[in-house]
Each structure stands twice: as structure tokens, then as C-alpha cells.
Amino acid sequence: MAHATKLTDPIEVPAGGWPRVRRIADVIAVVGLLLSVIGFVVNRPQFYYSWLVAYAFVFTVALGTLLFVMLQHISRAGWSVAIRRLAEVSASVIPYFAILFIPILIGLREIYPWARPDAVSDPLIRYKHAYLNVPFFIIRAVIYFGIWTFLSRYFLKRSVFQDTSKDFRLTVDMQRRAAPGIILHAMALTFMAFDWLMSGDPHWYSTIFGVYIFAGNTLAAFAFLVLVAITLRRGGWLSHTVRVDHYQDLGRWMFAFTVFWAYISFSQFFLIWYGNMPEETEWYLGRLTGSWKPFSYFLAAGHFAVPFVLLMPRWTKRKPGFVALMAVWVLFMHYLDMYWIVMPRLHTEGFSPSWLDLVTVVGIGGLFVSFYMRRLAVNALVPVGDPRLPESLALEHLY
């Protein structure tokens, strides 16, 4: 059956965007941030750790959408053009996260043992001091944000300009820049994972940890795009532009990265456990004792087994409501993954949830949604100048 290759949906958001949704996001963000400030006053250690978990959760989703954009360009993908603008806008919010990184800088000594004045008394930390020191940590963070900001603005700016110019050369230009962009992004993401997450346990190290974070945040990015596309569809936008076949492809990517995350996660665990070196195994020992042990089992089952089984059939990926439910589940698991990485350092005795865990993710997540909705209303929801858009609109799977 043939499908239309021209846009029939409204793709321009009315002036002011979605005021009701934005107001709700603004209120949620303000309430979450105000309660976070109260938490900062009454329990600073818990605040810093909860903030880091929430920050890593939301920020890595945005980073995953940046990778999605570059992957579509380098692979010359046609199927994804109808949803690519949703990812481009999400990636453009990344510079705002530099401001939200300030509480982490304030709490460096609380979060990272190597940042404390007496850290050099530890022989292993002293050996790593040339890399793990506060000035160099900040310099690296500035470099990371510089790379991500440049890449996100570069691809969005050219994509938007192509909406009116219809210049095919812009497509070729973005294809060529995507390859070095992915390399820069991969390096920044890897060292970010080392610096912001792994270095909280300075005695522990894993060369595969950056790939582990990449697998999780890319999976979460696909889940985020599913929810945004379905939300817009139910609001009257993109009802015919983003079709069931697009959800099937997004579901396939979620399934693929579910398997990839499990593969990388098990590979890291197996090699470290088999090597049986105390400085390596202690990281897992802390997460396999006390109440952290059932938490770890639940994470493994929920992050892998559940989406693996439910996303395997073709029909489940072709039902937008079910795919949305799985996307929510995947994002929840991604949050628990960040929590599992960070929080055992604070609560060594076992899983100990705090109200600050909730309010920090509500505050940061609310701000992200608010910024995202504002930027989404600035340009067309679809890259109408992309020469491959008709291919995306006519997408149809026979299997």
C-alpha cells in the first residue's frame, strides 16, 4: 500500500508554544528546585549525591539524542528524518546543563574523595593526582561542554537553515561533519563517565565503563524520543507524519540497545570478577551485599530481561501505547542504573532512598522539559528541507 510523501500535519507550533504544558513543567521544576534547596540546607551529603544521580540521568538522555542526530547523518538514514528534529532540539538544550553542574562543583569534596585536602595521604590517589585534581577536573568539564555545545548548535542551525534554503549541500556537509563529531562526542562522553561517575570510587577503574554509560544513555534517548513523538501525536501534531512504522523502528533500536547494554554490563562484571583483583572487585562487592544485592538483581532483570522479552515480538513495537509504556520503563531503569552507580558510596550499609532523590530529579527533569518545549516551538517540528523527508513519510515495513 502506497503512502503519502507530503506533509499533511501541522508542523508549526502556534506563538507561545504549549502554554499549559510549559506552565506545568515550570511549576514542577520550581517546586522540585525549591525543595532541593531545602534539602541542601538540612542534609548536604544526601543533596549532593541525589543531585548527581538526577543530573546524570537527565543529562545523559540529552547526550544520547545528540548521538542520534549524528548517527542519522553519517548513515544517510531516511527513515528517521521525520523525527530527527525532535532529537536536534533536545540536544540543543545541552548548554543549559552547564549551569546545573554548579552544585556538583560546589560539592566536589563531598562527592569525590580525591578532591579532599587529605586525599594525597592515600598512595593510590596520590599516584592519580596528576589527573584527579580539582583544577584539571574543571578544565576537562569546560572542554566537554564546549564540544557538546558546538556539535548540538552546529547540526540544529544547519538543519533549520535547510528548512528554507532547501540546499542539498547542507545535507552533504552534515554527513561529512558527523564522523568527526561522533569521535569527539565519544571521547567526551567516555572521559565524562570516568570523571563524574567512576572517579567517585578512585580506587576502582574499568576501561569499559565509558561504553557502559554510552549503551545506557543511548537506550534512554530512544525511549525519550518515543515519548515525545507520541505526546505530539496525541496533541494533534505529527499524527500522520510519525507513523506506526517509525515506532517500530524506535522499538527495534530500544531492543537492540537493551541487548547491547546487557552485553557490556555483563562483560565488565565477568572480567572484573574473574580477574579477582581486590581493587577492582570491591566496587561490585559493595553492590552485592546487604540490601544492595536485591537492588542489583532487580536492575539486571528490569533493565534487560523485561524489555528484551516484551520488545522482541513485532506486534508490540507497532502499538504506540505499548511502546510508550516500555519507554517509560526504560527511562525508569536508566535512573536506577545511575542511582546504582553513585549512591552505594554514600549508603554503604544498603539501599536507603531519600525524599531528595525524588525532588532533585523532578527539579532537573522539569527544567529540561520546560527548556525543551520552549525551543521546540521556535522552528518547524520536522526538517522540511531535508531531501530524504519523502522517504521517511513513505516508510512502510512489511515485516
Foldseek 3Di string as FASTA:
>chain_A
DFFDLDDPFAFAAPPPFPVVLLVVLVVLQVQLVVVLVVCCVPPVLVSLLLLLLLLLLLLLLLLLLLLVLLVCLQVVDLQCQFLNLLSLLSLLCNLVVVVSCVSNLVCVVSQFVLADPCSCVDVLSVVVVVCPYSVNLVVLVVVLSVLSNVSSCVSNVLLQVLLPVLDQVSSVVSNVVSVVSNVSSLVSQQVCCCRSFVNSLVLADDSLRSVLSNLLSNLLNLLVSLQVCVVCCVVRGCVLLCALLNLLVSLVVNLVSLVVNLVSVVVRVVVQVVVPDVSHCVLVVLCCDAQSNVLVVCLSCQSHVVSNVQSPDSVQSSDSVSSNVVSVSSSVSSSSVSCSRRVCSPVSNHDDDDPSSVSSSSNVVSVSVSSSSVSSNPGGSGSNSHPSSSVNSRDDDPD
